[in-house]
Amino acid sequence: MVGIFSSMLLIGLFIYQGDPTATETASSIFKQLFGVEVSETFQRILFTVLAVIPLAVVGGWFGGQLLPPLVIPPRRKRMLPSMS
């Protein structure tokens, strides 16, 4: 969720500012790879999403490994053999 929301925030900032210096991308990368001409705004949006979402997933995994769980699950009670 963090990756999706931060991607949306960055995309909104790119569109609002319209500043091409925020992320410099090669304008002909899609033309070279796929033979498709696309706008630089689309390239910035795509590269932002492809960078932010995996970083958010890796950060969440790392935080889960680094910090202890907030709730420790209760231990199951062992049933002892009944004395007859």
C-alpha atoms as a PDB file:
ATOM      1  CA  MET A   1       0.000   0.000   0.000  1.00  0.00           C
ATOM      2  CA  VAL A   2       2.848   2.363   0.779  1.00  0.00           C
ATOM      3  CA  GLY A   3       4.373   1.799  -2.652  1.00  0.00           C
ATOM      4  CA  ILE A   4       1.088   2.453  -4.431  1.00  0.00           C
ATOM      5  CA  PHE A   5       0.321   5.624  -2.471  1.00  0.00           C
ATOM      6  CA  SER A   6       3.845   6.998  -2.798  1.00  0.00           C
ATOM      7  CA  SER A   7       3.830   6.254  -6.538  1.00  0.00           C
ATOM      8  CA  MET A   8       0.552   8.111  -6.891  1.00  0.00           C
ATOM      9  CA  LEU A   9       1.952  11.056  -4.914  1.00  0.00           C
ATOM     10  CA  LEU A  10       5.101  11.222  -7.047  1.00  0.00           C
ATOM     11  CA  ILE A  11       3.104  10.943 -10.271  1.00  0.00           C
ATOM     12  CA  GLY A  12       0.884  13.788  -9.094  1.00  0.00           C
ATOM     13  CA  LEU A  13       3.952  15.902  -8.365  1.00  0.00           C
ATOM     14  CA  PHE A  14       5.448  15.148 -11.775  1.00  0.00           C
ATOM     15  CA  ILE A  15       2.248  16.146 -13.535  1.00  0.00           C
ATOM     16  CA  TYR A  16       1.719  19.246 -11.375  1.00  0.00           C
ATOM     17  CA  GLN A  17       5.273  20.565 -11.651  1.00  0.00           C
ATOM     18  CA  GLY A  18       6.008  19.437 -15.176  1.00  0.00           C
ATOM     19  CA  ASP A  19       9.704  19.642 -14.370  1.00  0.00           C
ATOM     20  CA  PRO A  20      11.741  17.420 -16.710  1.00  0.00           C
ATOM     21  CA  THR A  21      14.828  17.600 -14.479  1.00  0.00           C
ATOM     22  CA  ALA A  22      13.208  15.570 -11.682  1.00  0.00           C
ATOM     23  CA  THR A  23      13.997  12.289 -13.418  1.00  0.00           C
ATOM     24  CA  GLU A  24      16.144  12.294 -16.497  1.00  0.00           C
ATOM     25  CA  THR A  25      15.233   9.439 -18.821  1.00  0.00           C
ATOM     26  CA  ALA A  26      16.437   8.630 -22.264  1.00  0.00           C
ATOM     27  CA  SER A  27      13.658   9.777 -24.574  1.00  0.00           C
ATOM     28  CA  SER A  28      14.262   6.997 -27.073  1.00  0.00           C
ATOM     29  CA  ILE A  29      14.424   3.984 -24.754  1.00  0.00           C
ATOM     30  CA  PHE A  30      10.983   2.680 -25.757  1.00  0.00           C
ATOM     31  CA  LYS A  31      11.659   3.343 -29.415  1.00  0.00           C
ATOM     32  CA  GLN A  32      14.893   1.355 -29.226  1.00  0.00           C
ATOM     33  CA  LEU A  33      13.432  -1.560 -27.255  1.00  0.00           C
ATOM     34  CA  PHE A  34       9.871  -1.866 -28.527  1.00  0.00           C
ATOM     35  CA  GLY A  35       9.660   0.403 -31.560  1.00  0.00           C
ATOM     36  CA  VAL A  36       6.978   2.515 -29.850  1.00  0.00           C
ATOM     37  CA  GLU A  37       7.102   6.282 -29.488  1.00  0.00           C
ATOM     38  CA  VAL A  38       5.788   7.418 -26.081  1.00  0.00           C
ATOM     39  CA  SER A  39       5.843  10.729 -24.233  1.00  0.00           C
ATOM     40  CA  GLU A  40       8.428  11.552 -21.582  1.00  0.00           C
ATOM     41  CA  THR A  41       5.678  11.955 -18.998  1.00  0.00           C
ATOM     42  CA  PHE A  42       4.558   8.367 -19.570  1.00  0.00           C
ATOM     43  CA  GLN A  43       8.159   7.188 -19.237  1.00  0.00           C
ATOM     44  CA  ARG A  44       8.572   9.058 -15.949  1.00  0.00           C
ATOM     45  CA  ILE A  45       5.338   7.593 -14.600  1.00  0.00           C
ATOM     46  CA  LEU A  46       6.286   4.067 -15.640  1.00  0.00           C
ATOM     47  CA  PHE A  47       9.820   4.270 -14.248  1.00  0.00           C
ATOM     48  CA  THR A  48       8.529   5.787 -11.001  1.00  0.00           C
ATOM     49  CA  VAL A  49       6.060   2.952 -10.477  1.00  0.00           C
ATOM     50  CA  LEU A  50       8.656   0.325 -11.419  1.00  0.00           C
ATOM     51  CA  ALA A  51      11.108   1.812  -8.911  1.00  0.00           C
ATOM     52  CA  VAL A  52       8.910   2.722  -5.947  1.00  0.00           C
ATOM     53  CA  ILE A  53       6.705  -0.368  -5.598  1.00  0.00           C
ATOM     54  CA  PRO A  54       9.558  -2.941  -5.445  1.00  0.00           C
ATOM     55  CA  LEU A  55      11.471  -0.717  -3.026  1.00  0.00           C
ATOM     56  CA  ALA A  56       8.402  -0.497  -0.777  1.00  0.00           C
ATOM     57  CA  VAL A  57       7.992  -4.287  -0.832  1.00  0.00           C
ATOM     58  CA  VAL A  58      11.656  -4.854   0.028  1.00  0.00           C
ATOM     59  CA  GLY A  59      11.483  -2.213   2.769  1.00  0.00           C
ATOM     60  CA  GLY A  60       8.418  -3.859   4.294  1.00  0.00           C
ATOM     61  CA  TRP A  61      10.091  -7.252   4.240  1.00  0.00           C
ATOM     62  CA  PHE A  62      13.269  -5.844   5.799  1.00  0.00           C
ATOM     63  CA  GLY A  63      11.302  -4.060   8.519  1.00  0.00           C
ATOM     64  CA  GLY A  64       9.449  -7.280   9.281  1.00  0.00           C
ATOM     65  CA  GLN A  65      12.738  -9.126   9.651  1.00  0.00           C
ATOM     66  CA  LEU A  66      14.420  -6.385  11.668  1.00  0.00           C
ATOM     67  CA  LEU A  67      11.726  -5.560  14.212  1.00  0.00           C
ATOM     68  CA  PRO A  68      10.029  -8.034  16.535  1.00  0.00           C
ATOM     69  CA  PRO A  69       6.310  -8.749  16.100  1.00  0.00           C
ATOM     70  CA  LEU A  70       3.944  -6.508  18.059  1.00  0.00           C
ATOM     71  CA  VAL A  71       1.706  -9.361  19.176  1.00  0.00           C
ATOM     72  CA  ILE A  72       3.214 -12.644  20.233  1.00  0.00           C
ATOM     73  CA  PRO A  73       0.835 -15.521  19.482  1.00  0.00           C
ATOM     74  CA  PRO A  74      -0.222 -17.465  22.578  1.00  0.00           C
ATOM     75  CA  ARG A  75       1.355 -20.839  23.148  1.00  0.00           C
ATOM     76  CA  ARG A  76      -0.805 -23.876  22.798  1.00  0.00           C
ATOM     77  CA  LYS A  77      -1.406 -25.757  26.019  1.00  0.00           C
ATOM     78  CA  ARG A  78      -0.183 -29.295  26.053  1.00  0.00           C
ATOM     79  CA  MET A  79      -2.593 -31.904  27.216  1.00  0.00           C
ATOM     80  CA  LEU A  80      -1.062 -34.067  29.866  1.00  0.00           C
ATOM     81  CA  PRO A  81      -2.059 -37.681  30.159  1.00  0.00           C
ATOM     82  CA  SER A  82      -4.812 -38.076  32.698  1.00  0.00           C
ATOM     83  CA  MET A  83      -4.012 -39.859  35.898  1.00  0.00           C
ATOM     84  CA  SER A  84      -6.422 -42.678  36.584  1.00  0.00           C
END
